[in-house]
Amino acid sequence: MSLEMKEIKTDQHRFTVMISEEQIRAAVQKLGKQISKDYDAKNPILVGVLNGSFLFVADLVREISIECEIDFLKIG
């Protein structure tokens, strides 16, 4: 899949998109399935480091089909 180089600008910064939203979504789905398989019959604890991981952890948990716990910590 080729990715058209897209640039995102804010007031002070300029970013180049290196991985598409679709590629990220597919990777999160794959990771969720793998966690579900590897930790079946267990109760894993997912720990997200704030700020910045909340949406990723939320998307990942949606892809996990087993019961798990979620916690967050903030460093700083």
C-alpha atoms as a PDB file:
ATOM      1  CA  MET A   1       0.000   0.000   0.000  1.00  0.00           C
ATOM      2  CA  SER A   2       1.542   3.289  -0.998  1.00  0.00           C
ATOM      3  CA  LEU A   3       1.092   6.251   1.252  1.00  0.00           C
ATOM      4  CA  GLU A   4       0.764   9.668  -0.248  1.00  0.00           C
ATOM      5  CA  MET A   5       3.052  11.905   1.784  1.00  0.00           C
ATOM      6  CA  LYS A   6       0.733  14.116   3.770  1.00  0.00           C
ATOM      7  CA  GLU A   7       1.818  17.027   5.882  1.00  0.00           C
ATOM      8  CA  ILE A   8       0.017  18.296   8.959  1.00  0.00           C
ATOM      9  CA  LYS A   9       0.750  21.810  10.179  1.00  0.00           C
ATOM     10  CA  THR A  10       0.009  23.483  13.495  1.00  0.00           C
ATOM     11  CA  ASP A  11       0.879  27.015  14.555  1.00  0.00           C
ATOM     12  CA  GLN A  12       4.400  26.019  15.548  1.00  0.00           C
ATOM     13  CA  HIS A  13       5.042  22.561  14.107  1.00  0.00           C
ATOM     14  CA  ARG A  14       4.989  20.639  10.859  1.00  0.00           C
ATOM     15  CA  PHE A  15       4.526  16.848  10.743  1.00  0.00           C
ATOM     16  CA  THR A  16       4.788  14.333   7.910  1.00  0.00           C
ATOM     17  CA  VAL A  17       2.411  11.367   8.104  1.00  0.00           C
ATOM     18  CA  MET A  18       4.538   8.208   7.904  1.00  0.00           C
ATOM     19  CA  ILE A  19       1.883   5.580   8.739  1.00  0.00           C
ATOM     20  CA  SER A  20      -1.702   5.820   7.518  1.00  0.00           C
ATOM     21  CA  GLU A  21      -4.709   5.648   9.806  1.00  0.00           C
ATOM     22  CA  GLU A  22      -5.701   2.379   8.131  1.00  0.00           C
ATOM     23  CA  GLN A  23      -2.274   0.836   8.814  1.00  0.00           C
ATOM     24  CA  ILE A  24      -2.460   1.857  12.469  1.00  0.00           C
ATOM     25  CA  ARG A  25      -5.997   0.469  12.791  1.00  0.00           C
ATOM     26  CA  ALA A  26      -4.909  -2.863  11.250  1.00  0.00           C
ATOM     27  CA  ALA A  27      -1.910  -3.097  13.589  1.00  0.00           C
ATOM     28  CA  VAL A  28      -4.081  -2.400  16.652  1.00  0.00           C
ATOM     29  CA  GLN A  29      -6.573  -5.066  15.544  1.00  0.00           C
ATOM     30  CA  LYS A  30      -3.764  -7.573  15.056  1.00  0.00           C
ATOM     31  CA  LEU A  31      -2.278  -6.729  18.461  1.00  0.00           C
ATOM     32  CA  GLY A  32      -5.679  -7.071  20.153  1.00  0.00           C
ATOM     33  CA  LYS A  33      -6.196 -10.513  18.625  1.00  0.00           C
ATOM     34  CA  GLN A  34      -2.701 -11.613  19.636  1.00  0.00           C
ATOM     35  CA  ILE A  35      -3.185 -10.423  23.233  1.00  0.00           C
ATOM     36  CA  SER A  36      -6.529 -12.255  23.356  1.00  0.00           C
ATOM     37  CA  LYS A  37      -4.835 -15.438  22.158  1.00  0.00           C
ATOM     38  CA  ASP A  38      -1.716 -15.183  24.337  1.00  0.00           C
ATOM     39  CA  TYR A  39      -3.588 -14.291  27.531  1.00  0.00           C
ATOM     40  CA  ASP A  40      -6.684 -16.457  27.154  1.00  0.00           C
ATOM     41  CA  ALA A  41      -7.880 -17.729  30.569  1.00  0.00           C
ATOM     42  CA  LYS A  42      -5.787 -15.038  32.259  1.00  0.00           C
ATOM     43  CA  ASN A  43      -6.661 -11.523  33.391  1.00  0.00           C
ATOM     44  CA  PRO A  44      -4.023  -9.187  31.924  1.00  0.00           C
ATOM     45  CA  ILE A  45      -3.566  -5.666  33.222  1.00  0.00           C
ATOM     46  CA  LEU A  46      -2.995  -3.013  30.557  1.00  0.00           C
ATOM     47  CA  VAL A  47      -1.124   0.043  31.820  1.00  0.00           C
ATOM     48  CA  GLY A  48      -1.166   3.219  29.758  1.00  0.00           C
ATOM     49  CA  VAL A  49       1.241   6.074  30.408  1.00  0.00           C
ATOM     50  CA  LEU A  50      -0.526   9.447  30.329  1.00  0.00           C
ATOM     51  CA  ASN A  51      -0.735  11.814  28.591  1.00  0.00           C
ATOM     52  CA  GLY A  52      -1.103  10.444  25.133  1.00  0.00           C
ATOM     53  CA  SER A  53      -1.913   6.765  25.505  1.00  0.00           C
ATOM     54  CA  PHE A  54      -5.584   7.038  26.431  1.00  0.00           C
ATOM     55  CA  LEU A  55      -7.050   6.833  22.915  1.00  0.00           C
ATOM     56  CA  PHE A  56      -4.615   4.101  21.877  1.00  0.00           C
ATOM     57  CA  VAL A  57      -5.461   2.000  24.942  1.00  0.00           C
ATOM     58  CA  ALA A  58      -9.190   2.552  24.340  1.00  0.00           C
ATOM     59  CA  ASP A  59      -8.873   1.383  20.726  1.00  0.00           C
ATOM     60  CA  LEU A  60      -6.766  -1.605  21.788  1.00  0.00           C
ATOM     61  CA  VAL A  61      -9.212  -2.705  24.500  1.00  0.00           C
ATOM     62  CA  ARG A  62     -12.029  -2.682  21.931  1.00  0.00           C
ATOM     63  CA  GLU A  63     -10.068  -5.290  19.970  1.00  0.00           C
ATOM     64  CA  ILE A  64      -9.365  -7.568  22.956  1.00  0.00           C
ATOM     65  CA  SER A  65     -11.957 -10.306  23.333  1.00  0.00           C
ATOM     66  CA  ILE A  66     -10.955 -11.503  26.809  1.00  0.00           C
ATOM     67  CA  GLU A  67     -11.487  -9.909  30.182  1.00  0.00           C
ATOM     68  CA  CYS A  68      -8.742  -7.503  31.214  1.00  0.00           C
ATOM     69  CA  GLU A  69      -8.042  -4.669  33.605  1.00  0.00           C
ATOM     70  CA  ILE A  70      -6.929  -1.202  32.583  1.00  0.00           C
ATOM     71  CA  ASP A  71      -4.932   1.289  34.599  1.00  0.00           C
ATOM     72  CA  PHE A  72      -3.120   4.505  33.808  1.00  0.00           C
ATOM     73  CA  LEU A  73      -0.175   6.261  35.358  1.00  0.00           C
ATOM     74  CA  LYS A  74       1.169   9.730  34.891  1.00  0.00           C
ATOM     75  CA  ILE A  75       4.854  10.492  35.073  1.00  0.00           C
ATOM     76  CA  GLY A  76       6.106  13.941  35.712  1.00  0.00           C
END
